[in-house]
Structure formats: structure tokens, C-alpha cells
N, C-alpha and C. Protein backbone atom coordinates (compact mmCIF):
# COMPACT_ATOMS: atom_id res chain seq x y z
N MET A 1 175.21 138.65 251.34
CA MET A 1 174.20 137.84 250.66
C MET A 1 173.34 137.11 251.69
N THR A 2 172.02 137.18 251.53
CA THR A 2 171.11 136.55 252.47
C THR A 2 171.01 135.06 252.19
N THR A 3 171.06 134.27 253.25
CA THR A 3 170.94 132.82 253.13
C THR A 3 169.50 132.42 253.39
N SER A 4 168.94 131.59 252.51
CA SER A 4 167.56 131.15 252.68
C SER A 4 167.46 130.24 253.91
N PRO A 5 166.27 130.18 254.53
CA PRO A 5 166.10 129.30 255.70
C PRO A 5 166.45 127.85 255.40
N LEU A 6 166.11 127.39 254.20
CA LEU A 6 166.41 126.00 253.84
C LEU A 6 167.91 125.78 253.74
N LYS A 7 168.63 126.75 253.15
CA LYS A 7 170.09 126.63 253.04
C LYS A 7 170.74 126.69 254.41
N ALA A 8 170.18 127.52 255.29
CA ALA A 8 170.72 127.61 256.65
C ALA A 8 170.55 126.29 257.38
N LEU A 9 169.40 125.66 257.22
CA LEU A 9 169.17 124.36 257.85
C LEU A 9 170.08 123.30 257.24
N GLU A 10 170.30 123.39 255.94
CA GLU A 10 171.21 122.45 255.26
C GLU A 10 172.61 122.56 255.85
N ALA A 11 173.07 123.79 256.07
CA ALA A 11 174.40 124.00 256.65
C ALA A 11 174.45 123.48 258.08
N ASP A 12 173.39 123.72 258.84
CA ASP A 12 173.35 123.22 260.22
C ASP A 12 173.37 121.69 260.27
N LEU A 13 172.63 121.09 259.36
CA LEU A 13 172.57 119.63 259.32
C LEU A 13 173.92 119.05 258.90
N ALA A 14 174.58 119.69 257.94
CA ALA A 14 175.91 119.24 257.51
C ALA A 14 176.92 119.36 258.65
N ALA A 15 176.86 120.47 259.38
CA ALA A 15 177.79 120.67 260.50
C ALA A 15 177.56 119.63 261.60
N ALA A 16 176.29 119.34 261.87
CA ALA A 16 175.97 118.35 262.90
C ALA A 16 176.41 116.95 262.46
N THR A 17 176.25 116.66 261.19
CA THR A 17 176.68 115.35 260.66
C THR A 17 178.20 115.23 260.72
N ALA A 18 178.90 116.32 260.39
CA ALA A 18 180.36 116.31 260.41
C ALA A 18 180.91 115.95 261.79
N LYS A 19 180.23 116.39 262.84
CA LYS A 19 180.69 116.09 264.19
C LYS A 19 180.63 114.59 264.49
N LEU A 20 179.74 113.89 263.81
CA LEU A 20 179.59 112.45 264.04
C LEU A 20 180.45 111.60 263.09
N MET A 21 180.91 112.22 262.02
CA MET A 21 181.60 111.46 260.98
C MET A 21 182.89 110.77 261.42
N PRO A 22 183.72 111.38 262.27
CA PRO A 22 184.95 110.67 262.67
C PRO A 22 184.67 109.30 263.27
N ASP A 23 183.56 109.16 263.98
CA ASP A 23 183.23 107.87 264.60
C ASP A 23 182.29 107.02 263.75
N LEU A 24 181.33 107.65 263.08
CA LEU A 24 180.29 106.89 262.36
C LEU A 24 180.47 106.88 260.85
N GLY A 25 181.31 107.76 260.32
CA GLY A 25 181.40 107.89 258.87
C GLY A 25 180.26 108.74 258.33
N LEU A 26 180.21 108.87 257.03
CA LEU A 26 179.14 109.60 256.37
C LEU A 26 178.17 108.59 255.79
N ASN A 27 177.00 108.47 256.38
CA ASN A 27 176.01 107.49 255.96
C ASN A 27 174.65 107.88 256.51
N SER A 28 173.65 107.06 256.25
CA SER A 28 172.29 107.38 256.69
C SER A 28 172.17 107.42 258.21
N THR A 29 172.99 106.63 258.91
CA THR A 29 172.94 106.62 260.38
C THR A 29 173.43 107.95 260.96
N SER A 30 174.59 108.41 260.50
CA SER A 30 175.12 109.68 261.01
C SER A 30 174.20 110.84 260.63
N LEU A 31 173.62 110.79 259.45
CA LEU A 31 172.70 111.84 259.02
C LEU A 31 171.44 111.84 259.88
N ARG A 32 170.90 110.67 260.13
CA ARG A 32 169.67 110.57 260.94
C ARG A 32 169.91 111.05 262.37
N ARG A 33 171.04 110.67 262.95
CA ARG A 33 171.34 111.09 264.31
C ARG A 33 171.59 112.60 264.38
N ALA A 34 172.26 113.13 263.37
CA ALA A 34 172.52 114.57 263.34
C ALA A 34 171.21 115.35 263.23
N ALA A 35 170.30 114.85 262.40
CA ALA A 35 169.01 115.51 262.24
C ALA A 35 168.25 115.54 263.57
N ALA A 36 168.24 114.42 264.27
CA ALA A 36 167.56 114.34 265.56
C ALA A 36 168.21 115.28 266.58
N HIS A 37 169.53 115.38 266.51
CA HIS A 37 170.26 116.20 267.47
C HIS A 37 169.89 117.68 267.34
N ILE A 38 169.62 118.15 266.12
CA ILE A 38 169.28 119.56 265.94
C ILE A 38 167.77 119.76 265.84
N GLY A 39 167.01 118.72 266.16
CA GLY A 39 165.56 118.85 266.27
C GLY A 39 164.78 118.72 264.98
N LEU A 40 165.34 118.04 264.00
CA LEU A 40 164.64 117.85 262.73
C LEU A 40 163.97 116.48 262.70
N THR A 41 162.78 116.42 262.14
CA THR A 41 162.11 115.15 261.95
C THR A 41 162.68 114.48 260.71
N PRO A 42 162.49 113.17 260.55
CA PRO A 42 162.96 112.49 259.33
C PRO A 42 162.41 113.14 258.06
N ALA A 43 161.16 113.58 258.10
CA ALA A 43 160.56 114.22 256.92
C ALA A 43 161.26 115.54 256.60
N GLU A 44 161.59 116.30 257.64
CA GLU A 44 162.29 117.57 257.43
C GLU A 44 163.70 117.32 256.90
N SER A 45 164.35 116.30 257.42
CA SER A 45 165.69 115.95 256.94
C SER A 45 165.65 115.56 255.47
N ASP A 46 164.64 114.79 255.08
CA ASP A 46 164.49 114.38 253.68
C ASP A 46 164.23 115.58 252.78
N LEU A 47 163.50 116.56 253.30
CA LEU A 47 163.23 117.77 252.52
C LEU A 47 164.50 118.56 252.29
N ILE A 48 165.32 118.67 253.33
CA ILE A 48 166.55 119.44 253.25
C ILE A 48 167.59 118.72 252.40
N CYS A 49 167.70 117.41 252.58
CA CYS A 49 168.69 116.60 251.85
C CYS A 49 167.99 115.42 251.17
N PRO A 50 167.31 115.67 250.06
CA PRO A 50 166.57 114.59 249.39
C PRO A 50 167.45 113.44 248.92
N ASN A 51 168.74 113.72 248.70
CA ASN A 51 169.67 112.67 248.29
C ASN A 51 170.49 112.12 249.45
N GLY A 52 170.06 112.41 250.65
CA GLY A 52 170.69 111.86 251.84
C GLY A 52 172.14 112.28 252.00
N PRO A 53 173.03 111.35 252.37
CA PRO A 53 174.44 111.67 252.61
C PRO A 53 175.15 112.31 251.42
N ARG A 54 174.70 112.03 250.20
CA ARG A 54 175.31 112.65 249.01
C ARG A 54 175.20 114.17 249.10
N ASP A 55 174.04 114.66 249.54
CA ASP A 55 173.86 116.10 249.68
C ASP A 55 174.78 116.68 250.75
N ILE A 56 174.93 115.95 251.85
CA ILE A 56 175.82 116.39 252.92
C ILE A 56 177.26 116.45 252.42
N ALA A 57 177.67 115.45 251.64
CA ALA A 57 179.03 115.43 251.08
C ALA A 57 179.28 116.67 250.23
N ALA A 58 178.31 117.02 249.39
CA ALA A 58 178.46 118.20 248.54
C ALA A 58 178.52 119.48 249.36
N VAL A 59 177.69 119.57 250.38
CA VAL A 59 177.68 120.77 251.24
C VAL A 59 179.03 120.92 251.95
N LEU A 60 179.55 119.83 252.50
CA LEU A 60 180.82 119.90 253.21
C LEU A 60 181.97 120.27 252.28
N TRP A 61 182.01 119.67 251.09
CA TRP A 61 183.07 120.00 250.13
C TRP A 61 183.00 121.48 249.76
N ARG A 62 181.80 121.96 249.48
CA ARG A 62 181.64 123.37 249.08
C ARG A 62 181.90 124.33 250.23
N SER A 63 181.72 123.85 251.47
CA SER A 63 182.05 124.70 252.62
C SER A 63 183.56 124.91 252.68
N HIS A 64 184.33 123.90 252.26
CA HIS A 64 185.79 124.07 252.18
C HIS A 64 186.14 125.06 251.08
N ASP A 65 185.42 125.00 249.97
CA ASP A 65 185.63 125.98 248.90
C ASP A 65 185.37 127.40 249.41
N ALA A 66 184.28 127.56 250.18
CA ALA A 66 183.91 128.89 250.69
C ALA A 66 184.95 129.42 251.67
N ALA A 67 185.45 128.55 252.55
CA ALA A 67 186.48 128.95 253.50
C ALA A 67 187.77 129.32 252.77
N TRP A 68 188.11 128.54 251.74
CA TRP A 68 189.28 128.82 250.91
C TRP A 68 189.14 130.18 250.23
N LEU A 69 187.96 130.46 249.72
CA LEU A 69 187.72 131.71 249.00
C LEU A 69 187.94 132.91 249.92
N ALA A 70 187.54 132.79 251.17
CA ALA A 70 187.74 133.88 252.13
C ALA A 70 189.23 134.15 252.33
N VAL A 71 190.04 133.08 252.39
CA VAL A 71 191.49 133.22 252.54
C VAL A 71 192.08 133.89 251.30
N VAL A 72 191.65 133.43 250.13
CA VAL A 72 192.19 133.95 248.87
C VAL A 72 191.87 135.43 248.70
N GLU A 73 190.65 135.82 249.02
CA GLU A 73 190.25 137.21 248.83
C GLU A 73 190.96 138.15 249.80
N ALA A 74 191.53 137.59 250.86
CA ALA A 74 192.28 138.41 251.82
C ALA A 74 193.79 138.40 251.51
N THR A 75 194.18 137.78 250.38
CA THR A 75 195.60 137.65 250.02
C THR A 75 195.90 138.43 248.76
N ASP A 76 196.97 139.19 248.77
CA ASP A 76 197.41 139.94 247.60
C ASP A 76 198.30 139.04 246.73
N MET A 77 197.83 138.70 245.54
CA MET A 77 198.59 137.83 244.64
C MET A 77 199.15 138.59 243.43
N MET A 78 199.10 139.91 243.48
CA MET A 78 199.48 140.71 242.33
C MET A 78 200.92 140.44 241.88
N GLY A 79 201.83 140.22 242.82
CA GLY A 79 203.23 140.03 242.45
C GLY A 79 203.61 138.60 242.13
N MET A 80 202.65 137.68 242.18
CA MET A 80 202.95 136.27 241.95
C MET A 80 202.92 135.91 240.47
N LYS A 81 203.83 135.01 240.07
CA LYS A 81 203.76 134.43 238.73
C LYS A 81 202.65 133.39 238.71
N VAL A 82 202.29 132.93 237.52
CA VAL A 82 201.18 131.99 237.39
C VAL A 82 201.43 130.73 238.21
N ARG A 83 202.63 130.15 238.09
CA ARG A 83 202.90 128.91 238.83
C ARG A 83 202.83 129.14 240.34
N GLU A 84 203.25 130.33 240.79
CA GLU A 84 203.18 130.65 242.21
C GLU A 84 201.73 130.79 242.67
N LYS A 85 200.92 131.39 241.81
CA LYS A 85 199.50 131.53 242.14
C LYS A 85 198.82 130.16 242.25
N ILE A 86 199.08 129.31 241.28
CA ILE A 86 198.46 127.98 241.29
C ILE A 86 198.91 127.19 242.51
N SER A 87 200.20 127.26 242.82
CA SER A 87 200.72 126.56 243.99
C SER A 87 200.07 127.07 245.27
N PHE A 88 199.99 128.39 245.40
CA PHE A 88 199.37 128.99 246.59
C PHE A 88 197.90 128.60 246.69
N LEU A 89 197.18 128.70 245.57
CA LEU A 89 195.75 128.43 245.58
C LEU A 89 195.45 126.96 245.89
N LEU A 90 196.24 126.06 245.31
CA LEU A 90 196.07 124.64 245.61
C LEU A 90 196.35 124.34 247.08
N THR A 91 197.45 124.87 247.58
CA THR A 91 197.84 124.61 248.96
C THR A 91 196.81 125.18 249.93
N ALA A 92 196.32 126.39 249.64
CA ALA A 92 195.31 127.00 250.50
C ALA A 92 194.02 126.18 250.51
N ARG A 93 193.66 125.64 249.35
CA ARG A 93 192.43 124.82 249.28
C ARG A 93 192.60 123.54 250.09
N LEU A 94 193.76 122.92 250.00
CA LEU A 94 194.03 121.69 250.74
C LEU A 94 194.14 121.96 252.24
N ASP A 95 194.66 123.12 252.59
CA ASP A 95 194.74 123.49 254.01
C ASP A 95 193.34 123.58 254.62
N GLN A 96 192.39 124.10 253.87
CA GLN A 96 191.02 124.18 254.37
C GLN A 96 190.42 122.80 254.55
N ALA A 97 190.73 121.90 253.63
CA ALA A 97 190.24 120.52 253.75
C ALA A 97 190.82 119.84 254.98
N ALA A 98 192.02 120.25 255.37
CA ALA A 98 192.72 119.59 256.47
C ALA A 98 192.43 120.22 257.84
N VAL A 99 191.62 121.26 257.88
CA VAL A 99 191.29 121.89 259.17
C VAL A 99 190.69 120.87 260.12
N GLU A 100 189.75 120.07 259.60
CA GLU A 100 189.19 118.96 260.36
C GLU A 100 189.53 117.68 259.60
N GLU A 101 190.76 117.24 259.77
CA GLU A 101 191.28 116.17 258.93
C GLU A 101 190.52 114.86 259.07
N SER A 102 190.06 114.54 260.28
CA SER A 102 189.33 113.29 260.48
C SER A 102 188.00 113.31 259.72
N VAL A 103 187.38 114.49 259.64
CA VAL A 103 186.14 114.64 258.87
C VAL A 103 186.42 114.48 257.39
N THR A 104 187.49 115.12 256.93
CA THR A 104 187.85 115.05 255.52
C THR A 104 188.23 113.63 255.11
N HIS A 105 188.88 112.89 256.00
CA HIS A 105 189.15 111.47 255.74
C HIS A 105 187.86 110.73 255.39
N ARG A 106 186.86 110.94 256.21
CA ARG A 106 185.57 110.27 256.01
C ARG A 106 184.87 110.79 254.76
N LEU A 107 184.93 112.10 254.55
CA LEU A 107 184.29 112.70 253.38
C LEU A 107 184.92 112.18 252.09
N PHE A 108 186.25 112.19 252.04
CA PHE A 108 186.95 111.77 250.83
C PHE A 108 186.76 110.27 250.60
N GLY A 109 186.77 109.50 251.69
CA GLY A 109 186.51 108.07 251.56
C GLY A 109 185.13 107.79 250.99
N TYR A 110 184.15 108.56 251.43
CA TYR A 110 182.79 108.42 250.91
C TYR A 110 182.75 108.75 249.41
N LEU A 111 183.37 109.86 249.04
CA LEU A 111 183.33 110.30 247.65
C LEU A 111 184.14 109.38 246.73
N MET A 112 185.09 108.64 247.27
CA MET A 112 185.90 107.74 246.47
C MET A 112 185.21 106.41 246.19
N LEU A 113 184.08 106.16 246.83
CA LEU A 113 183.34 104.94 246.52
C LEU A 113 182.86 104.98 245.07
N PRO A 114 182.85 103.85 244.37
CA PRO A 114 182.50 103.85 242.94
C PRO A 114 181.19 104.55 242.61
N GLN A 115 180.18 104.39 243.45
CA GLN A 115 178.88 104.99 243.16
C GLN A 115 178.85 106.50 243.36
N HIS A 116 179.92 107.05 243.96
CA HIS A 116 179.96 108.49 244.21
C HIS A 116 181.03 109.22 243.41
N LEU A 117 181.73 108.50 242.54
CA LEU A 117 182.83 109.11 241.79
C LEU A 117 182.35 110.23 240.87
N GLY A 118 181.15 110.10 240.35
CA GLY A 118 180.61 111.16 239.50
C GLY A 118 180.45 112.46 240.27
N LEU A 119 179.98 112.37 241.50
CA LEU A 119 179.85 113.55 242.35
C LEU A 119 181.22 114.12 242.68
N LEU A 120 182.18 113.25 243.00
CA LEU A 120 183.54 113.71 243.31
C LEU A 120 184.12 114.47 242.13
N LYS A 121 184.00 113.93 240.94
CA LYS A 121 184.55 114.59 239.75
C LYS A 121 183.92 115.97 239.55
N SER A 122 182.62 116.06 239.77
CA SER A 122 181.93 117.34 239.62
C SER A 122 182.41 118.36 240.64
N LEU A 123 182.55 117.94 241.89
CA LEU A 123 183.00 118.84 242.96
C LEU A 123 184.43 119.30 242.74
N VAL A 124 185.31 118.35 242.35
CA VAL A 124 186.71 118.69 242.12
C VAL A 124 186.84 119.62 240.92
N TRP A 125 186.06 119.37 239.88
CA TRP A 125 186.10 120.23 238.69
C TRP A 125 185.72 121.66 239.05
N ASP A 126 184.67 121.82 239.88
CA ASP A 126 184.25 123.16 240.30
C ASP A 126 185.36 123.84 241.10
N SER A 127 186.02 123.09 241.97
CA SER A 127 187.13 123.66 242.75
C SER A 127 188.27 124.07 241.84
N ALA A 128 188.59 123.23 240.86
CA ALA A 128 189.66 123.55 239.90
C ALA A 128 189.31 124.79 239.09
N ASP A 129 188.05 124.91 238.72
CA ASP A 129 187.60 126.09 237.96
C ASP A 129 187.79 127.35 238.80
N MET A 130 187.44 127.29 240.07
CA MET A 130 187.61 128.43 240.96
C MET A 130 189.09 128.79 241.10
N ILE A 131 189.95 127.78 241.18
CA ILE A 131 191.38 128.02 241.30
C ILE A 131 191.92 128.77 240.08
N TRP A 132 191.54 128.31 238.89
CA TRP A 132 192.03 128.97 237.67
C TRP A 132 191.46 130.38 237.53
N ARG A 133 190.21 130.56 237.90
CA ARG A 133 189.62 131.91 237.81
C ARG A 133 190.32 132.87 238.76
N LYS A 134 190.61 132.41 239.97
CA LYS A 134 191.31 133.26 240.92
C LYS A 134 192.77 133.50 240.51
N ALA A 135 193.30 132.62 239.69
CA ALA A 135 194.66 132.81 239.15
C ALA A 135 194.66 133.78 237.98
N GLY A 136 193.47 134.19 237.54
CA GLY A 136 193.35 135.16 236.45
C GLY A 136 193.15 134.56 235.09
N ASP A 137 192.91 133.25 235.02
CA ASP A 137 192.74 132.59 233.72
C ASP A 137 191.43 133.00 233.08
N GLN A 138 191.50 133.38 231.80
CA GLN A 138 190.31 133.76 231.05
C GLN A 138 190.18 132.97 229.74
N ALA A 139 190.91 131.87 229.64
CA ALA A 139 190.90 131.08 228.39
C ALA A 139 189.51 130.52 228.13
N LEU A 140 189.07 130.63 226.88
CA LEU A 140 187.77 130.09 226.48
C LEU A 140 187.91 129.02 225.40
N ASP A 141 189.16 128.73 225.00
CA ASP A 141 189.39 127.70 223.99
C ASP A 141 189.53 126.34 224.67
N GLU A 142 190.12 125.37 223.94
CA GLU A 142 190.26 124.04 224.51
C GLU A 142 191.14 124.03 225.77
N ASN A 143 192.00 125.04 225.92
CA ASN A 143 192.85 125.13 227.10
C ASN A 143 192.03 125.33 228.38
N HIS A 144 190.86 125.92 228.24
CA HIS A 144 189.98 126.10 229.40
C HIS A 144 189.73 124.77 230.08
N TYR A 145 189.47 123.75 229.27
CA TYR A 145 189.14 122.43 229.81
C TYR A 145 190.39 121.66 230.22
N SER A 146 191.44 121.75 229.42
CA SER A 146 192.65 120.99 229.76
C SER A 146 193.28 121.50 231.05
N LYS A 147 193.25 122.81 231.27
CA LYS A 147 193.80 123.39 232.50
C LYS A 147 193.04 122.90 233.72
N ARG A 148 191.73 122.86 233.61
CA ARG A 148 190.91 122.42 234.74
C ARG A 148 191.05 120.92 234.99
N LEU A 149 191.22 120.19 233.91
CA LEU A 149 191.45 118.76 234.05
C LEU A 149 192.77 118.49 234.78
N ILE A 150 193.80 119.24 234.42
CA ILE A 150 195.11 119.06 235.04
C ILE A 150 195.05 119.40 236.53
N VAL A 151 194.45 120.54 236.86
CA VAL A 151 194.38 120.95 238.27
C VAL A 151 193.47 120.02 239.06
N SER A 152 192.43 119.49 238.43
CA SER A 152 191.58 118.51 239.10
C SER A 152 192.40 117.30 239.51
N GLY A 153 193.27 116.85 238.61
CA GLY A 153 194.12 115.70 238.91
C GLY A 153 195.10 115.99 240.03
N ILE A 154 195.71 117.18 239.99
CA ILE A 154 196.66 117.55 241.03
C ILE A 154 195.96 117.66 242.38
N LEU A 155 194.79 118.28 242.39
CA LEU A 155 194.05 118.47 243.63
C LEU A 155 193.67 117.13 244.26
N THR A 156 193.19 116.20 243.43
CA THR A 156 192.77 114.90 243.95
C THR A 156 193.95 114.11 244.50
N THR A 157 195.04 114.04 243.73
CA THR A 157 196.19 113.26 244.18
C THR A 157 196.88 113.91 245.38
N ALA A 158 196.92 115.25 245.41
CA ALA A 158 197.55 115.94 246.54
C ALA A 158 196.74 115.76 247.81
N LEU A 159 195.40 115.75 247.69
CA LEU A 159 194.57 115.51 248.86
C LEU A 159 194.78 114.09 249.39
N THR A 160 194.89 113.14 248.48
CA THR A 160 195.18 111.77 248.88
C THR A 160 196.51 111.69 249.63
N THR A 161 197.52 112.38 249.08
CA THR A 161 198.84 112.40 249.72
C THR A 161 198.79 113.08 251.08
N ARG A 162 198.07 114.19 251.16
CA ARG A 162 197.96 114.93 252.44
C ARG A 162 197.35 114.05 253.53
N LEU A 163 196.30 113.33 253.19
CA LEU A 163 195.62 112.51 254.18
C LEU A 163 196.44 111.29 254.57
N ALA A 164 197.26 110.79 253.64
CA ALA A 164 198.04 109.58 253.91
C ALA A 164 199.41 109.87 254.49
N GLN A 165 200.05 110.97 254.04
CA GLN A 165 201.46 111.18 254.40
C GLN A 165 201.75 112.54 255.03
N GLY A 166 200.80 113.44 255.05
CA GLY A 166 201.01 114.73 255.70
C GLY A 166 201.30 115.87 254.74
N LYS A 167 201.42 117.08 255.32
CA LYS A 167 201.54 118.30 254.53
C LYS A 167 202.84 118.37 253.75
N ALA A 168 203.95 117.95 254.35
CA ALA A 168 205.24 118.04 253.66
C ALA A 168 205.23 117.22 252.37
N ALA A 169 204.69 116.02 252.43
CA ALA A 169 204.60 115.17 251.24
C ALA A 169 203.66 115.79 250.21
N GLN A 170 202.58 116.39 250.68
CA GLN A 170 201.64 117.06 249.77
C GLN A 170 202.32 118.22 249.05
N ASP A 171 203.03 119.07 249.81
CA ASP A 171 203.70 120.22 249.20
C ASP A 171 204.74 119.79 248.17
N ASP A 172 205.47 118.72 248.46
CA ASP A 172 206.47 118.21 247.52
C ASP A 172 205.80 117.71 246.24
N GLN A 173 204.67 117.04 246.40
CA GLN A 173 203.97 116.53 245.23
C GLN A 173 203.43 117.65 244.37
N ILE A 174 202.85 118.67 245.00
CA ILE A 174 202.33 119.81 244.25
C ILE A 174 203.45 120.47 243.45
N ALA A 175 204.60 120.67 244.09
CA ALA A 175 205.74 121.31 243.41
C ALA A 175 206.18 120.50 242.19
N ARG A 176 206.28 119.18 242.36
CA ARG A 176 206.70 118.32 241.25
C ARG A 176 205.66 118.31 240.13
N ASN A 177 204.39 118.28 240.49
CA ASN A 177 203.34 118.26 239.48
C ASN A 177 203.28 119.57 238.70
N ILE A 178 203.45 120.68 239.40
CA ILE A 178 203.41 121.97 238.72
C ILE A 178 204.61 122.13 237.81
N ASP A 179 205.78 121.64 238.23
CA ASP A 179 206.96 121.66 237.35
C ASP A 179 206.68 120.90 236.06
N ALA A 180 206.03 119.74 236.19
CA ALA A 180 205.72 118.92 235.02
C ALA A 180 204.72 119.63 234.12
N VAL A 181 203.74 120.28 234.72
CA VAL A 181 202.73 121.00 233.94
C VAL A 181 203.37 122.16 233.19
N MET A 182 204.23 122.93 233.85
CA MET A 182 204.87 124.07 233.21
C MET A 182 205.76 123.62 232.05
N ALA A 183 206.48 122.51 232.25
CA ALA A 183 207.33 121.98 231.18
C ALA A 183 206.48 121.56 229.98
N TYR A 184 205.34 120.96 230.26
CA TYR A 184 204.44 120.51 229.20
C TYR A 184 203.86 121.71 228.45
N GLU A 185 203.48 122.77 229.19
CA GLU A 185 202.93 123.96 228.54
C GLU A 185 203.96 124.62 227.64
N LYS A 186 205.23 124.63 228.07
CA LYS A 186 206.28 125.20 227.23
C LYS A 186 206.45 124.37 225.96
N PHE A 187 206.36 123.04 226.11
CA PHE A 187 206.46 122.16 224.94
C PHE A 187 205.33 122.44 223.95
N LYS A 188 204.12 122.59 224.47
CA LYS A 188 202.98 122.87 223.59
C LYS A 188 203.16 124.20 222.87
N ALA A 189 203.63 125.21 223.62
CA ALA A 189 203.78 126.54 223.03
C ALA A 189 204.83 126.55 221.92
N LYS A 190 205.93 125.81 222.11
CA LYS A 190 207.01 125.79 221.12
C LYS A 190 206.66 124.94 219.91
N SER A 191 205.97 123.83 220.15
CA SER A 191 205.72 122.88 219.08
C SER A 191 204.40 123.12 218.36
N GLY A 192 203.50 123.87 219.00
CA GLY A 192 202.18 124.05 218.41
C GLY A 192 201.30 122.84 218.57
N PHE A 193 201.75 121.86 219.34
CA PHE A 193 200.99 120.63 219.55
C PHE A 193 199.80 120.90 220.46
N LYS A 194 198.61 120.46 220.02
CA LYS A 194 197.39 120.60 220.82
C LYS A 194 196.77 119.23 221.00
N PRO A 195 197.00 118.60 222.14
CA PRO A 195 196.45 117.26 222.34
C PRO A 195 194.95 117.22 222.27
N GLU A 196 194.31 118.31 222.69
CA GLU A 196 192.85 118.33 222.64
C GLU A 196 192.35 118.27 221.20
N GLN A 197 193.02 119.04 220.31
CA GLN A 197 192.61 119.05 218.92
C GLN A 197 192.93 117.71 218.26
N THR A 198 194.05 117.11 218.66
CA THR A 198 194.41 115.80 218.13
C THR A 198 193.33 114.77 218.44
N MET A 199 192.85 114.78 219.68
CA MET A 199 191.80 113.84 220.08
C MET A 199 190.51 114.10 219.30
N LEU A 200 190.20 115.39 219.07
CA LEU A 200 189.00 115.72 218.29
C LEU A 200 189.14 115.23 216.85
N ASP A 201 190.34 115.41 216.28
CA ASP A 201 190.58 114.95 214.91
C ASP A 201 190.43 113.44 214.81
N ILE A 202 190.99 112.72 215.80
CA ILE A 202 190.88 111.26 215.80
C ILE A 202 189.42 110.84 215.91
N ALA A 203 188.68 111.52 216.81
CA ALA A 203 187.26 111.19 216.99
C ALA A 203 186.48 111.44 215.70
N ALA A 204 186.81 112.54 215.00
CA ALA A 204 186.11 112.85 213.75
C ALA A 204 186.38 111.79 212.69
N LYS A 205 187.63 111.35 212.60
CA LYS A 205 187.99 110.34 211.60
C LYS A 205 187.34 108.99 211.91
N VAL A 206 187.34 108.64 213.21
CA VAL A 206 186.68 107.39 213.60
C VAL A 206 185.20 107.44 213.30
N GLY A 207 184.59 108.61 213.58
CA GLY A 207 183.16 108.77 213.29
C GLY A 207 182.88 108.68 211.81
N ALA A 208 183.76 109.29 211.00
CA ALA A 208 183.57 109.23 209.56
C ALA A 208 183.67 107.80 209.04
N LEU A 209 184.63 107.07 209.57
CA LEU A 209 184.77 105.66 209.17
C LEU A 209 183.55 104.85 209.60
N ARG A 210 183.04 105.16 210.79
CA ARG A 210 181.90 104.42 211.32
C ARG A 210 180.69 104.57 210.42
N PHE A 211 180.51 105.78 209.85
CA PHE A 211 179.34 106.03 209.04
C PHE A 211 179.65 106.02 207.54
N GLY A 212 180.83 105.55 207.18
CA GLY A 212 181.16 105.37 205.77
C GLY A 212 181.40 106.63 205.00
N LYS A 213 181.86 107.71 205.71
CA LYS A 213 182.05 108.98 205.03
C LYS A 213 183.52 109.40 204.97
N ALA A 214 184.39 108.52 205.38
CA ALA A 214 185.81 108.87 205.37
C ALA A 214 186.35 108.89 203.95
N LYS A 215 187.26 109.82 203.69
CA LYS A 215 187.93 109.83 202.42
C LYS A 215 188.97 108.74 202.39
N THR A 216 189.05 108.07 201.29
CA THR A 216 190.02 106.97 201.19
C THR A 216 191.01 107.29 200.09
N GLU A 217 192.22 106.78 200.29
CA GLU A 217 193.24 106.98 199.27
C GLU A 217 192.93 106.11 198.06
N PRO A 218 193.20 106.60 196.84
CA PRO A 218 192.96 105.78 195.66
C PRO A 218 193.78 104.49 195.70
N ALA A 219 193.21 103.46 195.23
CA ALA A 219 193.90 102.15 195.26
C ALA A 219 195.14 102.20 194.38
N GLN A 220 196.19 101.57 194.86
CA GLN A 220 197.45 101.51 194.10
C GLN A 220 197.32 100.43 193.02
N SER A 221 197.76 100.74 191.81
CA SER A 221 197.69 99.76 190.72
C SER A 221 198.89 98.86 190.76
């Protein structure tokens, strides 16, 4: 696939910024210095990254996704069970984030700021979606969303653990979380319980009450 000149410059600018992040963090200063280092004017930098460091954060996160994808596509998962696939895919994604751990510390710290949490949620959701797709998931019902929500949570907490306590603690957490998820899925399958549908039913009833359309039981005499 051919990369556009603008995308190539975006990648170059992100890579140059990443080199400065361990010392300077991800901010307008590191971005400005990185742009100057690769010969870009402030106007050119603004054209490439109109949202400043937010754009760099997204590029760096997605570069980890791309590196992870290359590892996954070179791995035969045909003999793996679903839980093994999810464990492998999560661990491989986190390993890519940890290749330059000091950069990822800064990147994750930036994304965890309150004003950037929306971007973090979007990036993590996309990563979780890729994980489930590579695991062979084709669900289009409410499980499509619940599965991605669960893996988003595991990915975020495991990355936090990896950065704070190391790989062994991360692997232990992933194993425990996946055990809990599998137990929950078995419970749902046996009981027919659908939390997503329950929440929709509650929302519908609340909405009906709000607009005066709820059915009411006849008054007791």
C-alpha cells in the first residue's frame, strides 16, 4: 500500500517527537523541537498535525497497532482456543507498546489526562476491535460491543500494570481477567442472561416513564 507524502511526514514527525518524549514528555515543546529537527516550519507542522500533540499521540498508538498486526499475521493461531487467542493477542499488543517503554510511559500518561480520555477510549476501542477480529469473532449482536468493552478494560488495566510492575505482573493479570471473562460467558450462556438487553429494557422503561407512556398496574381496591 502506497503511503501519501503527508502521512509519511506525519510518521516522521511522530518518530522525531517520540525520541524527545522520555525527557520532555508529549507536548507542544517536544512537537515543535521535533518539527525543527526534521526541517519542518511551524506552518508545515500545523498542517501535518492540526491538533498538535493529540495527533502525535494517535499516530504513536496506531503505530503500535501496526507493529502488533505484523507479528499476528506471522503467527499461526489455527490450533488455539478462543481464550488462548485472546491471551496471545493481548500480550503481543502490550509487548509492542513496551518496545520503547519510556516513550509509552509518556504516551499513556498524556492520554490519561482528563482532557484526552475521549481519545484514549477511541484508540483502545479500535485496538480491542482488531484483537477480536483477529481472534475470529464475527458477532454482530449486542455481544459485539460487550466483548470489545471487556477487552478494552483488560488492555487498559494490563498496560497500566505493565508500566508500573513489569511483564510478569501484566501476564498474571491478563490470565486472571480472562478466567473471569470466560466464567461470566459460561454463566450468560447457561442462564440466558443478557446484561446488555437488561440495560436497554431499563432505559426503555425509564424513557416511557419520563414521557408518560409507561403502562401502569391497575389500582388495588
